[in-house]
N, C-alpha and C. Protein backbone atom coordinates (compact mmCIF):
# COMPACT_ATOMS: atom_id res chain seq x y z
N MET A 1 73.94 63.00 132.92
CA MET A 1 72.74 62.14 132.49
C MET A 1 71.59 63.17 132.41
N PHE A 2 70.67 62.94 131.57
CA PHE A 2 69.59 63.74 131.40
C PHE A 2 68.44 62.81 130.80
N GLY A 3 67.27 63.08 131.45
CA GLY A 3 66.08 62.56 130.83
C GLY A 3 65.88 61.10 131.27
N ILE A 4 64.64 60.48 130.83
CA ILE A 4 64.30 59.14 131.10
C ILE A 4 64.03 58.53 129.73
N PRO A 5 64.62 57.46 129.35
CA PRO A 5 65.85 56.86 129.96
C PRO A 5 67.01 57.80 129.86
N GLY A 6 67.92 57.75 130.70
CA GLY A 6 69.13 58.56 130.92
C GLY A 6 70.03 58.62 129.75
N ARG A 7 70.40 59.80 129.27
CA ARG A 7 71.46 59.80 128.13
C ARG A 7 72.48 60.71 128.50
N VAL A 8 73.74 60.47 128.18
CA VAL A 8 74.86 61.52 128.48
C VAL A 8 74.67 62.58 127.67
N VAL A 9 74.71 63.81 128.29
CA VAL A 9 74.75 65.14 127.55
C VAL A 9 76.08 65.73 127.52
N ARG A 10 77.07 65.32 128.43
CA ARG A 10 78.27 66.02 128.47
C ARG A 10 79.16 65.00 129.27
N SER A 11 80.31 64.75 128.69
CA SER A 11 81.25 63.85 129.22
C SER A 11 82.19 64.72 130.20
N ARG A 12 82.73 64.25 131.27
CA ARG A 12 83.65 64.87 132.08
C ARG A 12 85.05 64.18 131.95
N ASN A 13 85.31 63.73 130.77
CA ASN A 13 86.45 63.00 130.58
C ASN A 13 87.70 63.91 130.11
N GLU A 14 87.50 65.26 130.10
CA GLU A 14 88.33 66.22 129.55
C GLU A 14 89.41 66.38 130.68
N PRO A 15 90.65 66.02 130.34
CA PRO A 15 91.76 66.04 131.43
C PRO A 15 92.12 67.40 131.91
N ASN A 16 92.00 68.45 130.98
CA ASN A 16 92.57 69.78 131.45
C ASN A 16 91.43 70.74 131.78
N GLU A 17 90.14 70.11 132.03
CA GLU A 17 88.89 70.98 132.27
C GLU A 17 89.19 71.74 133.64
N VAL A 18 89.14 73.05 133.60
CA VAL A 18 89.38 73.81 134.80
C VAL A 18 88.09 74.40 135.22
N LEU A 19 87.60 74.22 136.56
CA LEU A 19 86.49 74.88 136.91
C LEU A 19 86.75 76.26 137.47
N GLU A 20 86.24 77.33 136.77
CA GLU A 20 86.45 78.78 137.22
C GLU A 20 85.23 79.19 137.99
N HIS A 21 85.16 78.94 139.24
CA HIS A 21 83.99 79.29 140.02
C HIS A 21 83.81 80.74 140.23
N GLY A 22 84.76 81.48 140.06
CA GLY A 22 84.84 82.91 140.22
C GLY A 22 84.12 83.53 138.94
N LYS A 23 83.98 82.84 137.91
CA LYS A 23 83.36 83.42 136.56
C LYS A 23 82.09 83.04 136.47
N LEU A 24 81.40 82.34 137.35
CA LEU A 24 79.95 81.81 137.23
C LEU A 24 78.97 83.03 137.48
N PRO A 25 77.94 82.93 136.73
CA PRO A 25 77.03 84.08 136.85
C PRO A 25 76.30 84.17 138.28
N ASP A 26 76.08 85.37 138.68
CA ASP A 26 75.49 85.54 139.90
C ASP A 26 74.10 86.21 139.70
N PRO A 27 73.03 85.46 139.47
CA PRO A 27 71.64 85.86 139.32
C PRO A 27 71.20 86.68 140.37
N GLN A 28 71.34 86.31 141.69
CA GLN A 28 70.92 87.11 142.82
C GLN A 28 71.65 88.40 142.79
N GLY A 29 72.95 88.53 142.80
CA GLY A 29 73.73 89.81 142.77
C GLY A 29 73.27 90.62 141.61
N GLN A 30 72.85 90.01 140.44
CA GLN A 30 72.45 90.89 139.31
C GLN A 30 70.93 91.42 139.66
N ALA A 31 70.25 90.62 140.19
CA ALA A 31 68.89 91.07 140.58
C ALA A 31 68.91 92.23 141.49
N LEU A 32 69.79 92.05 142.49
CA LEU A 32 70.05 93.19 143.47
C LEU A 32 70.47 94.46 142.83
N GLU A 33 71.51 94.32 141.92
CA GLU A 33 72.00 95.55 141.13
C GLU A 33 71.02 96.14 140.38
N ASP A 34 70.16 95.33 139.84
CA ASP A 34 68.97 95.72 139.01
C ASP A 34 68.02 96.66 139.81
N LEU A 35 67.62 96.09 141.00
CA LEU A 35 66.79 96.66 141.85
C LEU A 35 67.32 98.06 142.57
N LYS A 36 68.71 98.09 142.67
CA LYS A 36 69.32 99.21 143.16
C LYS A 36 69.22 100.29 142.07
N GLU A 37 69.65 99.91 140.86
CA GLU A 37 69.49 100.95 139.82
C GLU A 37 68.08 101.58 139.66
N ARG A 38 66.96 100.68 139.81
CA ARG A 38 65.58 101.02 139.61
C ARG A 38 65.25 101.98 140.73
N ILE A 39 65.70 101.71 141.89
CA ILE A 39 65.31 102.51 143.00
C ILE A 39 66.14 103.80 142.82
N GLU A 40 67.37 104.03 142.39
CA GLU A 40 68.05 105.22 142.10
C GLU A 40 67.28 105.99 141.00
N HIS A 41 66.71 105.31 140.01
CA HIS A 41 65.97 106.03 138.96
C HIS A 41 64.57 106.54 139.58
N LEU A 42 63.91 105.80 140.35
CA LEU A 42 62.80 106.28 140.80
C LEU A 42 62.90 107.38 141.90
N GLU A 43 64.03 107.33 142.66
CA GLU A 43 64.19 108.43 143.55
C GLU A 43 64.39 109.70 142.88
N ALA A 44 65.29 109.72 141.79
CA ALA A 44 65.60 110.82 140.89
C ALA A 44 64.33 111.39 140.30
N GLU A 45 63.42 110.47 139.84
CA GLU A 45 62.25 110.97 139.31
C GLU A 45 61.34 111.64 140.33
N LEU A 46 61.21 111.00 141.54
CA LEU A 46 60.61 111.55 142.55
C LEU A 46 60.98 112.93 142.95
N GLN A 47 62.40 113.11 143.07
CA GLN A 47 63.01 114.49 143.44
C GLN A 47 62.49 115.48 142.37
N ALA A 48 62.65 115.13 140.99
CA ALA A 48 62.26 115.99 140.03
C ALA A 48 60.87 116.39 140.07
N LEU A 49 59.96 115.51 140.41
CA LEU A 49 58.54 115.85 140.56
C LEU A 49 58.24 116.86 141.76
N LYS A 50 59.11 116.49 142.86
CA LYS A 50 58.94 117.43 144.03
C LYS A 50 59.37 118.89 143.72
N GLU A 51 60.45 118.85 142.94
CA GLU A 51 61.09 120.23 142.62
C GLU A 51 59.91 120.89 141.68
N GLU A 52 59.42 120.24 140.70
CA GLU A 52 58.43 120.81 139.81
C GLU A 52 57.30 121.34 140.50
N ARG A 53 56.79 120.58 141.68
CA ARG A 53 55.77 120.93 142.37
C ARG A 53 56.03 122.21 143.17
N VAL A 54 57.14 122.24 143.81
CA VAL A 54 57.66 123.55 144.46
C VAL A 54 57.55 124.72 143.71
N ILE A 55 58.11 124.55 142.40
CA ILE A 55 58.12 125.61 141.68
C ILE A 55 56.79 126.08 141.17
N SER A 56 55.81 125.04 140.84
CA SER A 56 54.45 125.54 140.48
C SER A 56 53.66 126.10 141.60
N VAL A 57 53.89 125.63 142.82
CA VAL A 57 53.32 126.12 143.99
C VAL A 57 53.79 127.59 144.17
N SER A 58 54.94 127.89 144.21
CA SER A 58 55.50 129.05 144.62
C SER A 58 55.44 130.14 143.52
N THR A 59 55.01 129.71 142.16
CA THR A 59 54.78 130.83 141.20
C THR A 59 53.21 131.06 141.17
N PRO A 60 52.93 132.21 141.32
CA PRO A 60 51.47 132.51 141.45
C PRO A 60 50.91 132.45 140.01
N SER A 61 49.68 131.85 140.00
CA SER A 61 48.95 131.75 138.74
C SER A 61 48.11 133.00 138.64
N ARG A 62 48.10 133.26 137.17
CA ARG A 62 47.37 134.52 136.92
C ARG A 62 45.80 134.01 136.39
N PRO A 63 44.96 134.67 136.92
CA PRO A 63 43.55 134.45 136.52
C PRO A 63 43.30 135.05 135.09
N TYR A 64 42.69 134.31 134.27
CA TYR A 64 42.45 134.89 132.84
C TYR A 64 41.10 135.49 132.81
């Protein structure tokens, strides 16, 4: 039932309907996976910036 007044939006009279709970989407799991990937990306970017900084600091600059 949906809405006011209620109306049927889906009937459950299908005799062979199988509920496959293992195939349901996992929004929390996906959000955690997205955050994990974002953290890995940011850590790699931070490492690259650190390495760039070390290279620029160790290389003496020439006055013009």
